[in-house]
N, C-alpha and C. Protein backbone atom coordinates (compact mmCIF):
# COMPACT_ATOMS: atom_id res chain seq x y z
N UNK A 1 77.89 119.92 92.23
CA UNK A 1 78.38 120.14 93.57
C UNK A 1 78.47 121.65 93.86
N UNK A 2 78.96 122.39 92.88
CA UNK A 2 79.10 123.83 93.07
C UNK A 2 77.74 124.48 93.28
N UNK A 3 76.73 124.03 92.52
CA UNK A 3 75.38 124.60 92.67
C UNK A 3 74.84 124.34 94.06
N UNK A 4 75.08 123.14 94.56
CA UNK A 4 74.63 122.79 95.92
C UNK A 4 75.32 123.67 96.95
N UNK A 5 76.62 123.86 96.81
CA UNK A 5 77.37 124.71 97.74
C UNK A 5 76.86 126.15 97.68
N UNK A 6 76.59 126.64 96.49
CA UNK A 6 76.09 128.01 96.36
C UNK A 6 74.72 128.16 97.01
N UNK A 7 73.90 127.13 96.90
CA UNK A 7 72.58 127.15 97.53
C UNK A 7 72.73 127.23 99.05
N UNK A 8 73.66 126.45 99.59
CA UNK A 8 73.90 126.46 101.04
C UNK A 8 74.46 127.81 101.46
N UNK A 9 75.37 128.37 100.66
CA UNK A 9 75.95 129.68 100.98
C UNK A 9 74.87 130.75 101.13
N UNK A 10 73.85 130.66 100.32
CA UNK A 10 72.81 131.68 100.31
C UNK A 10 71.76 131.51 101.41
N UNK A 11 71.80 130.39 102.14
CA UNK A 11 70.76 130.16 103.16
C UNK A 11 70.93 131.03 104.39
N UNK A 12 72.15 131.05 104.97
CA UNK A 12 72.38 131.95 106.09
C UNK A 12 73.88 132.10 106.35
N UNK A 13 74.23 133.09 107.17
CA UNK A 13 75.64 133.43 107.39
C UNK A 13 76.43 132.32 108.06
N UNK A 14 75.78 131.54 108.92
CA UNK A 14 76.49 130.45 109.60
C UNK A 14 76.96 129.41 108.56
N UNK A 15 76.09 129.09 107.63
CA UNK A 15 76.46 128.14 106.58
C UNK A 15 77.56 128.71 105.70
N UNK A 16 77.46 130.00 105.43
CA UNK A 16 78.46 130.65 104.59
C UNK A 16 79.85 130.51 105.19
N UNK A 17 79.97 130.74 106.49
CA UNK A 17 81.28 130.66 107.14
C UNK A 17 81.83 129.23 107.14
N UNK A 18 80.97 128.24 107.05
CA UNK A 18 81.42 126.85 107.01
C UNK A 18 81.74 126.39 105.59
N UNK A 19 80.92 126.78 104.65
CA UNK A 19 81.02 126.25 103.28
C UNK A 19 82.02 127.03 102.43
N UNK A 20 82.09 128.33 102.60
CA UNK A 20 82.92 129.15 101.72
C UNK A 20 84.40 128.73 101.70
N UNK A 21 85.03 128.47 102.85
CA UNK A 21 86.44 128.04 102.79
C UNK A 21 86.62 126.71 102.06
N UNK A 22 85.69 125.80 102.24
CA UNK A 22 85.78 124.51 101.56
C UNK A 22 85.60 124.67 100.05
N UNK A 23 84.68 125.52 99.67
CA UNK A 23 84.44 125.76 98.25
C UNK A 23 85.66 126.43 97.60
N UNK A 24 86.26 127.34 98.32
CA UNK A 24 87.48 127.99 97.83
C UNK A 24 88.59 126.97 97.64
N UNK A 25 88.75 126.07 98.61
CA UNK A 25 89.77 125.02 98.52
C UNK A 25 89.51 124.12 97.31
N UNK A 26 88.27 123.72 97.13
CA UNK A 26 87.92 122.85 95.99
C UNK A 26 88.21 123.56 94.67
N UNK A 27 87.87 124.83 94.58
CA UNK A 27 88.14 125.60 93.36
C UNK A 27 89.64 125.69 93.07
N UNK A 28 90.44 125.90 94.12
CA UNK A 28 91.89 125.98 93.95
C UNK A 28 92.46 124.65 93.48
N UNK A 29 92.00 123.56 94.10
CA UNK A 29 92.48 122.23 93.71
C UNK A 29 92.10 121.93 92.26
N UNK A 30 90.88 122.30 91.88
CA UNK A 30 90.42 122.06 90.50
C UNK A 30 91.31 122.82 89.52
N UNK A 31 91.63 124.06 89.85
CA UNK A 31 92.50 124.86 88.98
C UNK A 31 93.88 124.22 88.86
N UNK A 32 94.42 123.72 89.97
CA UNK A 32 95.73 123.06 89.94
C UNK A 32 95.69 121.80 89.08
N UNK A 33 94.66 121.01 89.25
CA UNK A 33 94.55 119.75 88.51
C UNK A 33 94.41 120.02 87.01
N UNK A 34 93.54 120.96 86.65
CA UNK A 34 93.36 121.23 85.22
C UNK A 34 94.63 121.82 84.60
N UNK A 35 95.36 122.64 85.36
CA UNK A 35 96.62 123.19 84.86
C UNK A 35 97.63 122.07 84.63
N UNK A 36 97.69 121.13 85.57
CA UNK A 36 98.62 120.00 85.42
C UNK A 36 98.26 119.14 84.22
N UNK A 37 96.98 118.93 84.01
CA UNK A 37 96.55 118.14 82.87
C UNK A 37 96.90 118.82 81.55
N UNK A 38 96.74 120.13 81.50
CA UNK A 38 97.07 120.86 80.28
C UNK A 38 98.56 120.77 79.97
N UNK A 39 99.39 120.84 81.00
CA UNK A 39 100.84 120.78 80.82
C UNK A 39 101.28 119.39 80.39
N UNK A 40 100.64 118.36 80.94
CA UNK A 40 101.10 117.00 80.69
C UNK A 40 100.45 116.33 79.50
N UNK A 41 99.67 117.07 78.73
CA UNK A 41 99.05 116.48 77.53
C UNK A 41 100.14 115.99 76.59
N UNK A 42 99.93 114.80 76.10
CA UNK A 42 100.89 114.20 75.18
C UNK A 42 100.17 113.99 73.86
N UNK A 43 100.85 114.28 72.78
CA UNK A 43 100.20 114.04 71.50
C UNK A 43 100.16 112.54 71.26
N UNK A 44 99.03 112.08 70.83
CA UNK A 44 98.83 110.66 70.59
C UNK A 44 98.76 110.45 69.08
N UNK A 45 99.56 109.53 68.61
CA UNK A 45 99.59 109.23 67.18
C UNK A 45 98.67 108.05 66.92
N UNK A 46 97.75 108.23 66.03
CA UNK A 46 96.82 107.17 65.67
C UNK A 46 97.41 106.43 64.49
N UNK A 47 97.48 105.10 64.64
CA UNK A 47 98.02 104.28 63.56
C UNK A 47 97.01 103.19 63.22
N UNK A 48 97.05 102.79 61.99
CA UNK A 48 96.17 101.70 61.57
C UNK A 48 96.77 100.38 62.03
N UNK A 49 95.97 99.35 62.03
CA UNK A 49 96.43 98.02 62.41
C UNK A 49 97.55 97.57 61.47
N UNK A 50 97.40 97.86 60.20
CA UNK A 50 98.42 97.48 59.22
C UNK A 50 99.75 98.14 59.53
N UNK A 51 99.71 99.44 59.84
CA UNK A 51 100.93 100.15 60.20
C UNK A 51 101.56 99.56 61.45
N UNK A 52 100.71 99.28 62.43
CA UNK A 52 101.19 98.74 63.70
C UNK A 52 101.89 97.40 63.48
N UNK A 53 101.27 96.53 62.70
CA UNK A 53 101.83 95.20 62.45
C UNK A 53 103.10 95.28 61.61
N UNK A 54 103.19 96.27 60.74
CA UNK A 54 104.37 96.43 59.89
C UNK A 54 105.60 96.76 60.74
N UNK A 55 105.39 97.49 61.84
CA UNK A 55 106.49 97.88 62.72
C UNK A 55 106.96 96.74 63.61
N UNK A 56 106.23 95.66 63.68
CA UNK A 56 106.58 94.54 64.57
C UNK A 56 107.54 93.61 63.97
């Protein structure tokens, strides 16, 4: 998607004025989402079936 937007940006100034704000918004949202995912990562403990059944 970014490559397509960059291609449009380079075609002419009218396209640039339309696409650039949207691309900036998408980049900001992506940064927010990835930051949230990094913060909310939870360590996952892998257990064997035997261990799982032993706890039941």
